[in-house]
C-alpha atoms as a PDB file:
ATOM      1  CA  MET A   1    -107.496-122.801-135.232  1.00  0.00           C
ATOM      2  CA  THR A   2    -100.905-123.036-134.438  1.00  0.00           C
ATOM      3  CA  PRO A   3     -97.204-122.674-134.896  1.00  0.00           C
ATOM      4  CA  THR A   4     -95.466-121.350-131.805  1.00  0.00           C
ATOM      5  CA  LEU A   5     -96.597-117.762-131.435  1.00  0.00           C
ATOM      6  CA  VAL A   6     -95.224-115.558-128.682  1.00  0.00           C
ATOM      7  CA  ARG A   7     -97.952-113.174-127.572  1.00  0.00           C
ATOM      8  CA  GLN A   8     -97.204-110.472-125.028  1.00  0.00           C
ATOM      9  CA  HIS A   9    -100.001-108.808-123.080  1.00  0.00           C
ATOM     10  CA  LEU A  10    -100.078-105.697-120.951  1.00  0.00           C
ATOM     11  CA  PRO A  11    -100.712-106.141-117.213  1.00  0.00           C
ATOM     12  CA  HIS A  12    -104.419-106.327-116.594  1.00  0.00           C
ATOM     13  CA  ALA A  13    -106.461-105.929-113.452  1.00  0.00           C
ATOM     14  CA  GLY A  14    -109.826-107.099-114.744  1.00  0.00           C
ATOM     15  CA  PRO A  15    -111.702-110.331-114.049  1.00  0.00           C
ATOM     16  CA  THR A  16    -109.694-113.540-114.086  1.00  0.00           C
ATOM     17  CA  THR A  17    -111.385-116.642-115.479  1.00  0.00           C
ATOM     18  CA  ARG A  18    -109.890-120.133-115.382  1.00  0.00           C
ATOM     19  CA  VAL A  19    -110.377-121.945-118.667  1.00  0.00           C
ATOM     20  CA  ASP A  20    -110.722-125.718-118.781  1.00  0.00           C
ATOM     21  CA  LEU A  21    -108.098-126.298-121.463  1.00  0.00           C
ATOM     22  CA  CYS A  22    -108.975-129.961-121.911  1.00  0.00           C
ATOM     23  CA  ALA A  23    -112.657-129.143-122.493  1.00  0.00           C
ATOM     24  CA  ARG A  24    -111.659-126.279-124.806  1.00  0.00           C
ATOM     25  CA  ALA A  25    -109.458-128.598-126.885  1.00  0.00           C
ATOM     26  CA  ARG A  26    -112.221-131.207-127.027  1.00  0.00           C
ATOM     27  CA  ASP A  27    -114.698-128.575-128.256  1.00  0.00           C
ATOM     28  CA  TRP A  28    -112.211-127.590-130.956  1.00  0.00           C
ATOM     29  CA  SER A  29    -111.800-131.212-132.020  1.00  0.00           C
ATOM     30  CA  GLU A  30    -115.478-132.175-131.928  1.00  0.00           C
ATOM     31  CA  ILE A  31    -117.184-128.939-133.026  1.00  0.00           C
ATOM     32  CA  GLN A  32    -114.972-126.315-134.642  1.00  0.00           C
ATOM     33  CA  GLU A  33    -112.104-127.994-136.474  1.00  0.00           C
ATOM     34  CA  ARG A  34    -114.349-129.560-139.113  1.00  0.00           C
ATOM     35  CA  MET A  35    -115.424-126.095-140.321  1.00  0.00           C
ATOM     36  CA  LEU A  36    -112.119-125.859-142.192  1.00  0.00           C
ATOM     37  CA  VAL A  37    -112.451-129.214-143.989  1.00  0.00           C
ATOM     38  CA  PRO A  38    -113.273-127.524-147.338  1.00  0.00           C
ATOM     39  CA  LEU A  39    -110.010-125.567-147.033  1.00  0.00           C
ATOM     40  CA  TYR A  40    -107.959-128.704-146.358  1.00  0.00           C
ATOM     41  CA  GLU A  41    -109.615-130.609-149.196  1.00  0.00           C
ATOM     42  CA  THR A  42    -109.119-127.792-151.709  1.00  0.00           C
ATOM     43  CA  VAL A  43    -105.432-127.382-150.883  1.00  0.00           C
ATOM     44  CA  TYR A  44    -104.742-131.122-150.974  1.00  0.00           C
ATOM     45  CA  GLU A  45    -106.560-131.482-154.279  1.00  0.00           C
ATOM     46  CA  ARG A  46    -104.715-128.558-155.854  1.00  0.00           C
ATOM     47  CA  LEU A  47    -101.308-129.811-154.702  1.00  0.00           C
ATOM     48  CA  GLU A  48    -102.128-133.454-155.498  1.00  0.00           C
ATOM     49  CA  VAL A  49    -101.359-134.708-151.989  1.00  0.00           C
ATOM     50  CA  GLY A  50    -101.056-138.482-151.972  1.00  0.00           C
ATOM     51  CA  THR A  51     -98.590-141.335-151.832  1.00  0.00           C
ATOM     52  CA  GLY A  52     -95.135-139.815-152.041  1.00  0.00           C
ATOM     53  CA  THR A  53     -96.120-136.629-150.202  1.00  0.00           C
ATOM     54  CA  ARG A  54     -94.126-135.965-147.033  1.00  0.00           C
ATOM     55  CA  LEU A  55     -96.097-133.310-145.197  1.00  0.00           C
ATOM     56  CA  LEU A  56     -95.032-131.113-142.288  1.00  0.00           C
ATOM     57  CA  GLY A  57     -98.088-129.596-140.603  1.00  0.00           C
ATOM     58  CA  LEU A  58     -97.301-126.589-138.394  1.00  0.00           C
ATOM     59  CA  GLY A  59     -99.892-125.863-135.733  1.00  0.00           C
ATOM     60  CA  CYS A  60    -101.581-129.177-136.444  1.00  0.00           C
ATOM     61  CA  GLY A  61    -104.172-128.723-133.687  1.00  0.00           C
ATOM     62  CA  SER A  62    -106.034-131.933-132.960  1.00  0.00           C
ATOM     63  CA  GLY A  63    -104.901-133.487-136.209  1.00  0.00           C
ATOM     64  CA  LEU A  64    -107.877-133.484-138.572  1.00  0.00           C
ATOM     65  CA  ALA A  65    -105.949-131.986-141.509  1.00  0.00           C
ATOM     66  CA  LEU A  66    -103.158-134.516-140.971  1.00  0.00           C
ATOM     67  CA  LEU A  67    -105.652-137.370-140.811  1.00  0.00           C
ATOM     68  CA  MET A  68    -107.100-136.292-144.163  1.00  0.00           C
ATOM     69  CA  ALA A  69    -103.621-136.148-145.723  1.00  0.00           C
ATOM     70  CA  ALA A  70    -102.707-139.554-144.313  1.00  0.00           C
ATOM     71  CA  ALA A  71    -105.927-140.987-145.776  1.00  0.00           C
ATOM     72  CA  ARG A  72    -104.613-139.869-149.164  1.00  0.00           C
ATOM     73  CA  GLY A  73    -101.418-141.833-148.568  1.00  0.00           C
ATOM     74  CA  ALA A  74     -99.172-139.021-147.346  1.00  0.00           C
ATOM     75  CA  ALA A  75     -96.530-139.423-144.654  1.00  0.00           C
ATOM     76  CA  VAL A  76     -97.296-136.755-142.060  1.00  0.00           C
ATOM     77  CA  THR A  77     -95.448-134.957-139.296  1.00  0.00           C
ATOM     78  CA  GLY A  78     -97.491-132.641-137.088  1.00  0.00           C
ATOM     79  CA  VAL A  79     -96.153-129.923-134.797  1.00  0.00           C
ATOM     80  CA  GLU A  80     -98.399-128.426-132.109  1.00  0.00           C
ATOM     81  CA  ALA A  81     -96.433-126.262-129.706  1.00  0.00           C
ATOM     82  CA  SER A  82     -99.136-124.031-128.242  1.00  0.00           C
ATOM     83  CA  SER A  83    -101.656-126.585-126.940  1.00  0.00           C
ATOM     84  CA  PRO A  84    -100.589-129.855-125.292  1.00  0.00           C
ATOM     85  CA  GLU A  85    -104.295-130.683-125.003  1.00  0.00           C
ATOM     86  CA  ARG A  86    -104.870-130.486-128.758  1.00  0.00           C
ATOM     87  CA  LEU A  87    -101.681-132.458-129.382  1.00  0.00           C
ATOM     88  CA  ALA A  88    -102.936-135.207-127.082  1.00  0.00           C
ATOM     89  CA  LEU A  89    -106.164-135.409-129.113  1.00  0.00           C
ATOM     90  CA  ALA A  90    -104.164-135.552-132.348  1.00  0.00           C
ATOM     91  CA  ARG A  91    -102.237-138.507-130.952  1.00  0.00           C
ATOM     92  CA  GLU A  92    -105.522-140.245-130.142  1.00  0.00           C
ATOM     93  CA  ARG A  93    -106.565-139.816-133.769  1.00  0.00           C
ATOM     94  CA  LEU A  94    -103.334-140.654-135.558  1.00  0.00           C
ATOM     95  CA  LEU A  95    -101.369-142.794-133.109  1.00  0.00           C
ATOM     96  CA  PRO A  96    -104.073-144.983-131.550  1.00  0.00           C
ATOM     97  CA  GLU A  97    -101.810-147.511-129.832  1.00  0.00           C
ATOM     98  CA  SER A  98    -104.145-147.584-126.853  1.00  0.00           C
ATOM     99  CA  SER A  99    -106.979-148.869-129.041  1.00  0.00           C
ATOM    100  CA  GLY A 100    -104.918-151.800-130.245  1.00  0.00           C
ATOM    101  CA  THR A 101    -104.578-150.340-133.732  1.00  0.00           C
ATOM    102  CA  ARG A 102    -101.056-150.227-135.055  1.00  0.00           C
ATOM    103  CA  ALA A 103    -100.037-146.701-136.047  1.00  0.00           C
ATOM    104  CA  ARG A 104     -98.350-145.985-139.353  1.00  0.00           C
ATOM    105  CA  GLY A 105     -94.595-145.730-138.985  1.00  0.00           C
ATOM    106  CA  ASP A 106     -94.473-142.595-141.144  1.00  0.00           C
ATOM    107  CA  THR A 107     -96.719-140.560-138.823  1.00  0.00           C
ATOM    108  CA  ARG A 108     -95.117-138.304-136.198  1.00  0.00           C
ATOM    109  CA  LEU A 109     -96.667-135.829-133.772  1.00  0.00           C
ATOM    110  CA  VAL A 110     -94.390-133.561-131.766  1.00  0.00           C
ATOM    111  CA  ALA A 111     -94.497-130.448-129.599  1.00  0.00           C
ATOM    112  CA  ARG A 112     -91.574-128.730-131.328  1.00  0.00           C
ATOM    113  CA  LEU A 113     -90.001-128.642-134.753  1.00  0.00           C
ATOM    114  CA  PRO A 114     -87.994-131.802-135.463  1.00  0.00           C
ATOM    115  CA  ARG A 115     -84.263-131.358-135.754  1.00  0.00           C
ATOM    116  CA  GLU A 116     -83.081-131.208-139.338  1.00  0.00           C
ATOM    117  CA  ALA A 117     -81.002-134.347-138.842  1.00  0.00           C
ATOM    118  CA  ASP A 118     -84.106-136.235-137.696  1.00  0.00           C
ATOM    119  CA  SER A 119     -86.376-134.984-140.481  1.00  0.00           C
ATOM    120  CA  PRO A 120     -87.249-136.416-143.867  1.00  0.00           C
ATOM    121  CA  ALA A 121     -87.085-134.196-146.933  1.00  0.00           C
ATOM    122  CA  TYR A 122     -90.568-132.688-146.696  1.00  0.00           C
ATOM    123  CA  THR A 123     -92.384-132.058-149.970  1.00  0.00           C
ATOM    124  CA  LEU A 124     -95.107-129.847-148.471  1.00  0.00           C
ATOM    125  CA  VAL A 125     -95.413-127.573-145.433  1.00  0.00           C
ATOM    126  CA  THR A 126     -98.802-126.362-144.201  1.00  0.00           C
ATOM    127  CA  ALA A 127     -99.744-123.715-141.645  1.00  0.00           C
ATOM    128  CA  PHE A 128    -103.534-123.917-141.659  1.00  0.00           C
ATOM    129  CA  GLU A 129    -104.015-121.869-138.488  1.00  0.00           C
ATOM    130  CA  PRO A 130    -105.750-118.764-139.910  1.00  0.00           C
ATOM    131  CA  ILE A 131    -103.516-115.696-139.970  1.00  0.00           C
ATOM    132  CA  GLY A 132    -104.937-112.224-139.523  1.00  0.00           C
ATOM    133  CA  CYS A 133    -107.692-112.877-137.004  1.00  0.00           C
ATOM    134  CA  LEU A 134    -105.765-111.803-133.901  1.00  0.00           C
ATOM    135  CA  ALA A 135    -103.701-108.682-133.546  1.00  0.00           C
ATOM    136  CA  GLY A 136    -100.114-109.927-133.504  1.00  0.00           C
ATOM    137  CA  ASP A 137    -100.999-113.523-134.407  1.00  0.00           C
ATOM    138  CA  SER A 138     -98.325-113.722-137.091  1.00  0.00           C
ATOM    139  CA  ASP A 139     -95.580-112.500-134.764  1.00  0.00           C
ATOM    140  CA  GLY A 140     -93.106-115.358-134.747  1.00  0.00           C
ATOM    141  CA  LEU A 141     -94.775-117.301-137.562  1.00  0.00           C
ATOM    142  CA  ALA A 142     -92.224-116.091-140.116  1.00  0.00           C
ATOM    143  CA  GLU A 143     -89.458-117.322-137.831  1.00  0.00           C
ATOM    144  CA  THR A 144     -91.226-120.647-137.362  1.00  0.00           C
ATOM    145  CA  LEU A 145     -91.557-121.067-141.114  1.00  0.00           C
ATOM    146  CA  ALA A 146     -87.931-120.113-141.651  1.00  0.00           C
ATOM    147  CA  ALA A 147     -86.877-122.694-139.071  1.00  0.00           C
ATOM    148  CA  ALA A 148     -88.990-125.334-140.813  1.00  0.00           C
ATOM    149  CA  VAL A 149     -87.536-124.658-144.251  1.00  0.00           C
ATOM    150  CA  PRO A 150     -84.041-126.247-143.933  1.00  0.00           C
ATOM    151  CA  PRO A 151     -85.322-129.856-144.207  1.00  0.00           C
ATOM    152  CA  VAL A 152     -87.063-129.051-147.517  1.00  0.00           C
ATOM    153  CA  GLU A 153     -85.763-128.627-151.034  1.00  0.00           C
ATOM    154  CA  ARG A 154     -85.852-125.432-153.043  1.00  0.00           C
ATOM    155  CA  GLY A 155     -89.254-124.902-154.630  1.00  0.00           C
ATOM    156  CA  THR A 156     -91.188-126.796-151.950  1.00  0.00           C
ATOM    157  CA  PRO A 157     -94.699-125.369-151.464  1.00  0.00           C
ATOM    158  CA  VAL A 158     -95.642-123.809-148.132  1.00  0.00           C
ATOM    159  CA  VAL A 159     -99.352-123.164-147.561  1.00  0.00           C
ATOM    160  CA  LEU A 160    -100.619-120.305-145.392  1.00  0.00           C
ATOM    161  CA  ALA A 161    -104.294-119.706-144.597  1.00  0.00           C
ATOM    162  CA  GLY A 162    -106.387-116.796-143.396  1.00  0.00           C
ATOM    163  CA  TRP A 163    -109.865-115.294-143.267  1.00  0.00           C
ATOM    164  CA  GLY A 164    -111.285-113.809-146.423  1.00  0.00           C
ATOM    165  CA  PRO A 165    -112.674-110.268-146.762  1.00  0.00           C
ATOM    166  CA  PRO A 166    -114.855-109.368-143.746  1.00  0.00           C
ATOM    167  CA  GLU A 167    -117.783-108.582-146.037  1.00  0.00           C
ATOM    168  CA  ARG A 168    -117.655-112.198-147.280  1.00  0.00           C
ATOM    169  CA  CYS A 169    -117.534-113.676-143.770  1.00  0.00           C
ATOM    170  CA  ALA A 170    -120.752-113.644-141.750  1.00  0.00           C
ATOM    171  CA  THR A 171    -118.784-114.684-138.661  1.00  0.00           C
ATOM    172  CA  SER A 172    -116.873-111.383-138.738  1.00  0.00           C
ATOM    173  CA  ALA A 173    -119.828-109.572-137.150  1.00  0.00           C
ATOM    174  CA  VAL A 174    -119.862-112.128-134.336  1.00  0.00           C
ATOM    175  CA  LEU A 175    -116.115-111.914-133.794  1.00  0.00           C
ATOM    176  CA  ARG A 176    -116.353-108.152-133.333  1.00  0.00           C
ATOM    177  CA  VAL A 177    -117.784-108.968-129.915  1.00  0.00           C
ATOM    178  CA  ALA A 178    -114.299-110.133-128.983  1.00  0.00           C
ATOM    179  CA  THR A 179    -112.776-106.781-129.957  1.00  0.00           C
ATOM    180  CA  ARG A 180    -115.443-104.728-128.211  1.00  0.00           C
ATOM    181  CA  LEU A 181    -115.144-106.604-124.929  1.00  0.00           C
ATOM    182  CA  ALA A 182    -111.359-106.962-124.880  1.00  0.00           C
ATOM    183  CA  ASP A 183    -109.215-104.664-122.794  1.00  0.00           C
ATOM    184  CA  PRO A 184    -108.750-101.513-124.932  1.00  0.00           C
ATOM    185  CA  LEU A 185    -105.124-101.287-123.768  1.00  0.00           C
ATOM    186  CA  ARG A 186    -104.323-104.762-125.038  1.00  0.00           C
ATOM    187  CA  VAL A 187    -101.872-104.513-127.959  1.00  0.00           C
ATOM    188  CA  THR A 188    -102.036-108.143-129.039  1.00  0.00           C
ATOM    189  CA  GLY A 189    -104.452-111.016-128.654  1.00  0.00           C
ATOM    190  CA  SER A 190    -107.757-109.344-129.602  1.00  0.00           C
ATOM    191  CA  TRP A 191    -109.604-110.102-132.846  1.00  0.00           C
ATOM    192  CA  ARG A 192    -109.233-107.830-135.865  1.00  0.00           C
ATOM    193  CA  PRO A 193    -110.565-108.077-139.449  1.00  0.00           C
ATOM    194  CA  ALA A 194    -108.223-109.776-141.895  1.00  0.00           C
ATOM    195  CA  LEU A 195    -106.207-107.505-144.172  1.00  0.00           C
ATOM    196  CA  ARG A 196    -105.730-108.090-147.883  1.00  0.00           C
ATOM    197  CA  ASP A 197    -101.984-108.808-147.773  1.00  0.00           C
ATOM    198  CA  ASP A 198    -101.668-110.605-144.416  1.00  0.00           C
ATOM    199  CA  LEU A 199    -100.525-113.877-145.973  1.00  0.00           C
ATOM    200  CA  GLU A 200     -98.155-112.255-148.467  1.00  0.00           C
ATOM    201  CA  GLU A 201     -96.474-110.228-145.723  1.00  0.00           C
ATOM    202  CA  VAL A 202     -95.787-113.343-143.642  1.00  0.00           C
ATOM    203  CA  ALA A 203     -94.448-115.175-146.692  1.00  0.00           C
ATOM    204  CA  GLN A 204     -92.156-112.260-147.501  1.00  0.00           C
ATOM    205  CA  ARG A 205     -90.768-112.113-143.959  1.00  0.00           C
ATOM    206  CA  ALA A 206     -90.114-115.866-144.106  1.00  0.00           C
ATOM    207  CA  GLY A 207     -88.207-115.536-147.382  1.00  0.00           C
ATOM    208  CA  LEU A 208     -90.817-117.401-149.430  1.00  0.00           C
ATOM    209  CA  ARG A 209     -91.953-116.639-152.988  1.00  0.00           C
ATOM    210  CA  PRO A 210     -95.751-116.461-153.550  1.00  0.00           C
ATOM    211  CA  ASP A 211     -96.862-118.837-156.284  1.00  0.00           C
ATOM    212  CA  GLY A 212    -100.638-118.808-156.255  1.00  0.00           C
ATOM    213  CA  SER A 213    -103.642-118.374-154.008  1.00  0.00           C
ATOM    214  CA  GLY A 214    -107.299-119.206-153.783  1.00  0.00           C
ATOM    215  CA  ARG A 215    -110.516-118.726-151.856  1.00  0.00           C
ATOM    216  CA  VAL A 216    -112.683-121.430-150.334  1.00  0.00           C
ATOM    217  CA  ALA A 217    -116.189-121.313-148.885  1.00  0.00           C
ATOM    218  CA  CYS A 218    -116.049-122.529-145.281  1.00  0.00           C
ATOM    219  CA  PRO A 219    -119.492-122.028-143.722  1.00  0.00           C
ATOM    220  CA  PHE A 220    -119.753-122.376-139.965  1.00  0.00           C
ATOM    221  CA  GLY A 221    -122.721-124.566-139.068  1.00  0.00           C
ATOM    222  CA  TYR A 222    -123.781-125.638-135.566  1.00  0.00           C
ATOM    223  CA  ALA A 223    -126.526-127.873-134.226  1.00  0.00           C
ATOM    224  CA  ASP A 224    -127.699-125.304-131.669  1.00  0.00           C
ATOM    225  CA  MET A 225    -126.726-122.133-129.827  1.00  0.00           C
ATOM    226  CA  GLY A 226    -124.762-123.973-127.153  1.00  0.00           C
ATOM    227  CA  SER A 227    -122.613-125.754-129.724  1.00  0.00           C
ATOM    228  CA  ALA A 228    -121.990-122.487-131.564  1.00  0.00           C
ATOM    229  CA  VAL A 229    -120.822-120.709-128.422  1.00  0.00           C
ATOM    230  CA  ARG A 230    -118.558-123.591-127.392  1.00  0.00           C
ATOM    231  CA  GLY A 231    -117.143-123.956-130.876  1.00  0.00           C
ATOM    232  CA  LEU A 232    -116.285-120.299-131.277  1.00  0.00           C
ATOM    233  CA  LEU A 233    -114.813-120.062-127.788  1.00  0.00           C
ATOM    234  CA  SER A 234    -112.564-123.029-128.617  1.00  0.00           C
ATOM    235  CA  THR A 235    -110.787-120.948-131.277  1.00  0.00           C
ATOM    236  CA  GLY A 236    -109.156-118.781-128.620  1.00  0.00           C
ATOM    237  CA  LEU A 237    -110.341-115.626-130.391  1.00  0.00           C
ATOM    238  CA  PHE A 238    -112.387-114.606-127.349  1.00  0.00           C
ATOM    239  CA  ASP A 239    -109.725-115.232-124.715  1.00  0.00           C
ATOM    240  CA  ALA A 240    -108.771-111.564-124.387  1.00  0.00           C
ATOM    241  CA  ALA A 241    -112.436-110.634-123.960  1.00  0.00           C
ATOM    242  CA  ILE A 242    -112.899-113.324-121.299  1.00  0.00           C
ATOM    243  CA  THR A 243    -109.882-111.998-119.400  1.00  0.00           C
ATOM    244  CA  ALA A 244    -111.253-108.454-119.597  1.00  0.00           C
ATOM    245  CA  THR A 245    -114.925-109.014-118.761  1.00  0.00           C
ATOM    246  CA  GLY A 246    -115.409-112.603-117.559  1.00  0.00           C
ATOM    247  CA  GLN A 247    -116.846-115.772-119.050  1.00  0.00           C
ATOM    248  CA  GLU A 248    -120.486-115.028-118.269  1.00  0.00           C
ATOM    249  CA  GLN A 249    -120.473-111.670-120.049  1.00  0.00           C
ATOM    250  CA  VAL A 250    -118.738-113.089-123.128  1.00  0.00           C
ATOM    251  CA  ASP A 251    -121.166-116.035-123.308  1.00  0.00           C
ATOM    252  CA  LYS A 252    -124.144-113.653-123.074  1.00  0.00           C
ATOM    253  CA  GLU A 253    -122.974-111.218-125.749  1.00  0.00           C
ATOM    254  CA  LEU A 254    -121.720-113.966-128.037  1.00  0.00           C
ATOM    255  CA  ALA A 255    -125.146-115.640-127.961  1.00  0.00           C
ATOM    256  CA  GLU A 256    -126.803-112.287-128.735  1.00  0.00           C
ATOM    257  CA  ALA A 257    -124.490-111.769-131.726  1.00  0.00           C
ATOM    258  CA  LEU A 258    -125.260-115.279-132.991  1.00  0.00           C
ATOM    259  CA  HIS A 259    -129.033-114.856-132.721  1.00  0.00           C
ATOM    260  CA  PRO A 260    -129.499-113.298-136.221  1.00  0.00           C
ATOM    261  CA  HIS A 261    -127.836-116.401-137.698  1.00  0.00           C
ATOM    262  CA  GLN A 262    -130.126-118.883-135.914  1.00  0.00           C
ATOM    263  CA  ARG A 263    -132.655-120.694-138.078  1.00  0.00           C
ATOM    264  CA  ARG A 264    -136.146-121.722-137.095  1.00  0.00           C
ATOM    265  CA  ASP A 265    -134.976-125.251-136.277  1.00  0.00           C
ATOM    266  CA  GLY A 266    -132.422-123.848-133.825  1.00  0.00           C
ATOM    267  CA  THR A 267    -129.351-124.462-135.981  1.00  0.00           C
ATOM    268  CA  ILE A 268    -126.771-121.734-136.579  1.00  0.00           C
ATOM    269  CA  TRP A 269    -125.459-121.057-140.098  1.00  0.00           C
ATOM    270  CA  MET A 270    -122.849-118.473-141.122  1.00  0.00           C
ATOM    271  CA  PRO A 271    -121.348-118.403-144.638  1.00  0.00           C
ATOM    272  CA  ASN A 272    -117.625-117.570-144.699  1.00  0.00           C
ATOM    273  CA  VAL A 273    -114.789-117.402-147.190  1.00  0.00           C
ATOM    274  CA  PHE A 274    -111.239-118.375-146.295  1.00  0.00           C
ATOM    275  CA  ARG A 275    -108.144-117.604-148.332  1.00  0.00           C
ATOM    276  CA  TYR A 276    -104.966-119.623-148.817  1.00  0.00           C
ATOM    277  CA  LEU A 277    -101.577-118.713-150.249  1.00  0.00           C
ATOM    278  CA  ILE A 278     -99.118-121.139-151.803  1.00  0.00           C
ATOM    279  CA  ALA A 279     -95.530-119.888-151.470  1.00  0.00           C
ATOM    280  CA  LEU A 280     -92.335-121.636-152.540  1.00  0.00           C
ATOM    281  CA  THR A 281     -89.063-122.018-150.692  1.00  0.00           C
ATOM    282  CA  VAL A 282     -86.123-120.319-152.416  1.00  0.00           C
END
């Protein structure tokens, strides 16, 4: 669920688990990313994204939000600096040269922010990676936003997203497994409940002016327990716990936490609310 974020961790002597990053990115693309579709749709509808929109998507992941904007007629540029594997999947979706389909000339996918001289005048900037779910996850985001602002005009909307109140998010109880299992000495990288002003604080540090916000229902639904575990692990929110206790222990306790949300037909369903903030460049 990112702009370039520098996360520092204390030395750790616990179990070391190798993560298949390609499989993790594929799970994100095929299972988890679609959970945020209601958020993308609501933002695009509110801001009337369409032909004439020139969108810069920070932390574009595997490109689903960009694909939805492009389907509305927008010209899109996606930046994914933290996961080459997700960026590769985004290129499969939006730049399918290998399939014989000609890609749109106004679609760009890059691993770092384009230079100002090489950038169009963006009319919208999005950072849909949820803020406030990892301790320290907004460290560096303000700087990333500030670096992205020069190619845009004054008054251009920048959209930030985050989890809603924990009491409105059934998944919060499941994510607490990540905090409980993570190294207690770890200062960043472990899950924490979202705070009320997370988005506003990032906007303020980036020199942006808040201009509206909203909440969107984004339920997490999975076909079975295995899909739920893989989908949630693909978010990266359990990485600190995996480092501290090992993959097997995290898988076991995650499945136990998901059990109350499993229906009789085996599906998993967790209602959630996500929040977005629209801030303007000044």
